Protein backbone atom coordinates (compact mmCIF):
# COMPACT_ATOMS: atom_id res chain seq x y z
CA UNK A 1 76.66 10.51 -26.24
CA UNK A 2 76.15 7.72 -23.75
CA UNK A 3 72.37 7.52 -23.02
CA UNK A 4 72.96 7.33 -19.24
CA UNK A 5 75.11 10.47 -19.30
CA UNK A 6 72.52 12.22 -21.47
CA UNK A 7 69.74 11.29 -19.03
CA UNK A 8 71.83 12.62 -16.12
CA UNK A 9 72.54 15.92 -17.90
CA UNK A 10 68.87 16.45 -18.71
CA UNK A 11 68.10 16.29 -14.99
CA UNK A 12 70.63 18.97 -14.04
CA UNK A 13 70.02 22.67 -13.45
CA UNK A 14 69.74 24.81 -16.62
CA UNK A 15 73.15 26.47 -16.33
CA UNK A 16 74.95 23.12 -16.15
CA UNK A 17 73.00 21.88 -19.17
CA UNK A 18 73.98 25.01 -21.05
CA UNK A 19 77.63 24.47 -20.12
CA UNK A 20 77.48 20.90 -21.44
CA UNK A 21 75.77 21.97 -24.65
CA UNK A 22 78.40 24.63 -25.38
CA UNK A 23 81.25 22.25 -24.56
CA UNK A 24 79.85 19.69 -26.98
CA UNK A 25 79.34 22.36 -29.63
CA UNK A 26 82.55 24.38 -29.27
CA UNK A 27 84.94 22.12 -27.37
CA UNK A 28 85.70 24.75 -24.70
CA UNK A 29 84.14 27.63 -22.77
CA UNK A 30 85.15 31.23 -23.37
CA UNK A 31 85.00 34.04 -20.82
CA UNK A 32 81.72 35.11 -22.46
CA UNK A 33 80.33 31.62 -21.89
CA UNK A 34 81.29 31.77 -18.22
CA UNK A 35 79.63 35.19 -17.90
CA UNK A 36 76.45 33.76 -19.45
CA UNK A 37 76.49 30.87 -16.97
CA UNK A 38 76.93 33.27 -14.04
CA UNK A 39 74.06 35.41 -15.34
CA UNK A 40 71.86 32.34 -15.63
CA UNK A 41 72.63 31.30 -12.05
CA UNK A 42 71.82 34.79 -10.71
CA UNK A 43 68.61 35.21 -12.70
CA UNK A 44 65.39 35.13 -10.61
CA UNK A 45 63.80 32.94 -13.30
CA UNK A 46 66.56 30.93 -15.01
CA UNK A 47 64.50 30.02 -18.06
CA UNK A 48 63.96 33.68 -18.95
CA UNK A 49 67.70 34.40 -18.92
CA UNK A 50 68.74 31.72 -21.42
CA UNK A 51 70.74 33.29 -24.29
CA UNK A 52 69.50 30.46 -26.55
CA UNK A 53 65.82 29.64 -27.05
CA UNK A 54 66.47 26.06 -25.90
CA UNK A 55 69.25 23.71 -24.85
CA UNK A 56 69.64 20.77 -27.18
CA UNK A 57 71.36 17.66 -25.83
CA UNK A 58 70.88 14.60 -28.00
CA UNK A 59 72.21 11.07 -28.07
CA UNK A 60 72.81 11.22 -31.82
CA UNK A 61 76.48 10.37 -32.45
CA UNK A 62 78.54 12.47 -34.79
CA UNK A 63 79.18 10.71 -38.11
CA UNK A 64 82.65 9.20 -38.28
CA UNK A 65 84.45 7.67 -41.23
CA UNK A 66 85.17 3.98 -40.65
CA UNK A 67 88.84 3.02 -40.95
CA UNK A 68 89.71 -0.60 -41.72
CA UNK A 69 93.17 -2.07 -42.08
CA UNK A 70 92.80 -4.67 -44.84
CA UNK A 71 96.26 -6.09 -45.53
CA UNK A 72 100.00 -5.60 -45.13
CA UNK A 73 102.42 -6.56 -47.88
CA UNK A 74 104.43 -7.07 -49.94
CA UNK A 75 107.18 -6.20 -47.46
CA UNK A 76 110.81 -5.44 -48.26
CA UNK A 77 113.78 -4.90 -45.93
CA UNK A 78 111.84 -5.00 -42.63
CA UNK A 79 112.81 -7.65 -40.06
CA UNK A 80 112.99 -11.00 -41.83
CA UNK A 81 109.56 -10.56 -43.39
CA UNK A 82 109.34 -11.94 -46.90
CA UNK A 83 105.75 -13.17 -47.29
CA UNK A 84 104.62 -14.87 -50.46
CA UNK A 85 101.27 -13.11 -50.13
CA UNK A 86 100.12 -10.04 -48.13
CA UNK A 87 98.89 -10.59 -44.58
CA UNK A 88 95.15 -10.02 -44.90
CA UNK A 89 92.84 -9.01 -42.07
CA UNK A 90 89.54 -9.64 -43.86
CA UNK A 91 86.44 -7.48 -43.59
CA UNK A 92 85.14 -8.67 -40.21
CA UNK A 93 85.41 -6.83 -36.92
CA UNK A 94 87.95 -9.27 -35.45
CA UNK A 95 91.06 -10.86 -36.95
CA UNK A 96 93.42 -13.31 -35.26
CA UNK A 97 97.04 -13.45 -36.40
CA UNK A 98 98.79 -16.60 -35.22
CA UNK A 99 101.91 -18.63 -36.02
CA UNK A 100 104.94 -20.28 -34.51
CA UNK A 101 107.82 -18.32 -32.98
CA UNK A 102 109.73 -16.39 -35.62
CA UNK A 103 106.82 -16.38 -38.07
CA UNK A 104 106.79 -12.57 -38.15
CA UNK A 105 103.88 -11.63 -35.91
CA UNK A 106 105.95 -9.08 -33.99
CA UNK A 107 107.32 -7.62 -37.22
CA UNK A 108 103.84 -6.89 -38.52
CA UNK A 109 102.89 -5.38 -35.16
CA UNK A 110 105.89 -3.06 -35.35
CA UNK A 111 104.92 -1.98 -38.86
CA UNK A 112 101.39 -1.07 -37.75
CA UNK A 113 102.68 0.88 -34.74
CA UNK A 114 105.23 2.80 -36.83
CA UNK A 115 102.89 3.47 -39.75
CA UNK A 116 100.17 4.81 -37.42
CA UNK A 117 102.63 7.11 -35.63
CA UNK A 118 102.51 5.61 -32.13
CA UNK A 119 105.06 7.36 -29.85
CA UNK A 120 106.28 4.04 -28.40
CA UNK A 121 106.84 2.48 -31.84
CA UNK A 122 110.25 0.83 -32.24
CA UNK A 123 112.49 1.62 -35.19
CA UNK A 124 112.13 -0.87 -38.03
CA UNK A 125 115.31 -2.78 -38.80
CA UNK A 126 116.33 -5.23 -41.50
CA UNK A 127 117.20 -8.87 -40.97
CA UNK A 128 120.58 -9.43 -39.31
CA UNK A 129 121.00 -12.62 -41.36
CA UNK A 130 120.84 -10.88 -44.73
CA UNK A 131 122.68 -8.11 -46.55
CA UNK A 132 121.48 -4.56 -45.96
CA UNK A 133 118.45 -3.96 -48.17
CA UNK A 134 118.35 -1.25 -50.80
CA UNK A 135 115.19 0.11 -49.20
CA UNK A 136 112.52 -0.55 -46.62
CA UNK A 137 108.94 -0.56 -47.87
CA UNK A 138 105.56 -2.05 -47.02
CA UNK A 139 102.40 -1.88 -49.09
CA UNK A 140 99.50 -1.05 -46.79
CA UNK A 141 95.93 -1.75 -47.86
CA UNK A 142 93.20 0.08 -45.96
CA UNK A 143 89.77 1.64 -46.47
CA UNK A 144 88.14 4.82 -45.13
CA UNK A 145 84.37 5.09 -45.33
CA UNK A 146 84.37 2.09 -47.68
CA UNK A 147 86.86 3.61 -50.10
CA UNK A 148 89.92 1.36 -50.46
CA UNK A 149 93.50 2.59 -50.86
CA UNK A 150 96.89 0.94 -51.31
CA UNK A 151 99.92 2.93 -50.19
CA UNK A 152 103.57 2.07 -50.70
CA UNK A 153 104.74 3.13 -47.27
CA UNK A 154 108.40 3.92 -46.66
CA UNK A 155 109.34 4.26 -42.96
CA UNK A 156 109.79 6.07 -40.68
CA UNK A 157 107.25 8.80 -41.51
CA UNK A 158 103.73 7.76 -40.39
CA UNK A 159 100.63 7.78 -42.56
CA UNK A 160 98.12 10.43 -41.38
CA UNK A 161 95.20 8.25 -42.52
CA UNK A 162 96.18 5.58 -39.97
CA UNK A 163 96.57 7.89 -36.96
CA UNK A 164 93.35 6.66 -35.32
CA UNK A 165 94.53 3.03 -35.15
CA UNK A 166 94.95 1.71 -31.59
CA UNK A 167 97.52 -0.99 -30.97
CA UNK A 168 98.37 -2.84 -27.78
CA UNK A 169 101.20 -5.38 -27.67
CA UNK A 170 103.67 -6.67 -25.08
CA UNK A 171 106.02 -3.68 -25.46
CA UNK A 172 103.11 -1.27 -25.09
CA UNK A 173 101.98 -3.18 -22.00
CA UNK A 174 105.37 -2.76 -20.35
CA UNK A 175 105.19 1.00 -20.96
CA UNK A 176 101.84 1.20 -19.15
CA UNK A 177 103.03 -0.98 -16.26
CA UNK A 178 106.61 0.19 -15.77
CA UNK A 179 106.76 3.79 -16.99
CA UNK A 180 105.14 6.90 -15.55
CA UNK A 181 103.20 8.38 -18.45
CA UNK A 182 100.19 10.63 -18.82
CA UNK A 183 97.05 9.16 -20.34
CA UNK A 184 97.07 9.72 -24.09
CA UNK A 185 93.40 8.86 -24.64
CA UNK A 186 90.41 9.95 -22.60
CA UNK A 187 86.90 8.70 -23.51
CA UNK A 188 84.69 11.59 -24.74
CA UNK A 189 82.19 11.15 -21.90
CA UNK A 190 84.93 11.31 -19.28
CA UNK A 191 86.48 14.34 -20.99
CA UNK A 192 83.09 16.10 -20.92
CA UNK A 193 82.70 15.47 -17.18
CA UNK A 194 86.23 16.76 -16.54
CA UNK A 195 85.46 19.90 -18.56
CA UNK A 196 82.24 20.42 -16.59
CA UNK A 197 84.17 20.17 -13.32
CA UNK A 198 86.61 22.80 -14.62
CA UNK A 199 83.70 25.00 -15.71
CA UNK A 200 82.16 24.76 -12.23
CA UNK A 201 85.46 25.92 -10.78
CA UNK A 202 85.59 28.93 -13.10
CA UNK A 203 81.99 29.87 -12.29
CA UNK A 204 82.70 29.52 -8.56
CA UNK A 205 85.70 31.85 -8.90
CA UNK A 206 83.61 34.54 -10.62
CA UNK A 207 80.78 34.30 -8.09
CA UNK A 208 83.25 34.37 -5.18
CA UNK A 209 84.90 37.51 -6.56
CA UNK A 210 81.52 39.21 -6.91
CA UNK A 211 80.47 38.13 -3.42
CA UNK A 212 83.61 39.57 -1.84
CA UNK A 213 82.94 42.89 -3.59
CA UNK A 214 79.46 43.19 -2.08
CA UNK A 215 78.84 45.57 0.83
CA UNK A 216 77.80 43.43 3.78
CA UNK A 217 75.90 46.16 5.61
CA UNK A 218 74.16 49.46 4.89
CA UNK A 219 76.16 52.66 5.34
CA UNK A 220 75.63 54.41 8.69
CA UNK A 221 72.91 57.05 8.79
CA UNK A 222 74.32 60.57 9.43
CA UNK A 223 73.62 61.86 12.96
CA UNK A 224 71.30 64.61 11.79
CA UNK A 225 68.96 62.05 10.16
CA UNK A 226 68.90 59.49 12.94
CA UNK A 227 65.49 59.00 14.56
CA UNK A 228 63.58 60.23 11.52
CA UNK A 229 60.96 58.21 9.64
CA UNK A 230 63.32 58.05 6.66
CA UNK A 231 66.02 56.51 8.86
CA UNK A 232 63.50 53.99 10.16
CA UNK A 233 62.52 52.97 6.60
CA UNK A 234 66.17 52.88 5.61
CA UNK A 235 67.03 50.57 8.49
CA UNK A 236 64.23 48.17 7.57
CA UNK A 237 65.61 47.48 4.06
CA UNK A 238 66.14 43.78 3.33
CA UNK A 239 67.74 41.94 0.40
CA UNK A 240 64.54 39.99 -0.33
CA UNK A 241 62.18 42.96 -0.62
CA UNK A 242 59.88 43.00 -3.63
CA UNK A 243 59.68 45.91 -6.08
CA UNK A 244 56.35 46.90 -4.53
CA UNK A 245 57.90 47.16 -1.05
CA UNK A 246 60.74 49.31 -2.39
CA UNK A 247 58.27 51.51 -4.26
CA UNK A 248 56.32 52.14 -1.05
CA UNK A 249 59.31 54.05 0.37
CA UNK A 250 58.97 56.72 -2.30
CA UNK A 251 55.28 57.42 -1.77
């Protein structure tokens, strides 16, 4: 978790911290969770009403397997690609693919988009200047958590292992600029804040329903009891009375 977001959460009221902790742990809030949050809000001493002994919010990231795309090729029957050697991306965190027009940069980009299952990926076609190929295939070299694999990929079905790859090219840019689409990726911190806003709305709905069900005033004393000491005590009742004050009426 982002340290700034963590610091902000740790300064919030207990029920909001509990909501964040359960969202991080379970991914969503059940009706039971909402009831617990409402109970925590209504408790005279919030700390005593916690269903858990403590709320744990840490900045420790969840372990994730590192995916690296290492090389593409040999390639058969896709665009006019016919490289003598695979296109390697090295082991660094940044690779630059460059070349003159028609060198095949776009073709490789299309392969990555299609193999990783991107919805905007274009269909892969063969070269218009050659006979129809017997097949389309690309060998894809990649590693997950340091373990290397080489797959003979045959389009159009994507490879599940490559689903987390992000790709942005000119065609993808036009989709973002010219087409009305919903966001397909939301940063985890932003998603957590959106979920907390939704949780606040659900809690507000429950509290509002309970408030509307409350009796706003005491029932009217029957005529035969009006003017008595009991009626006087009854009329003096207040919502903020202590247990000792209530007990004094029964003495």
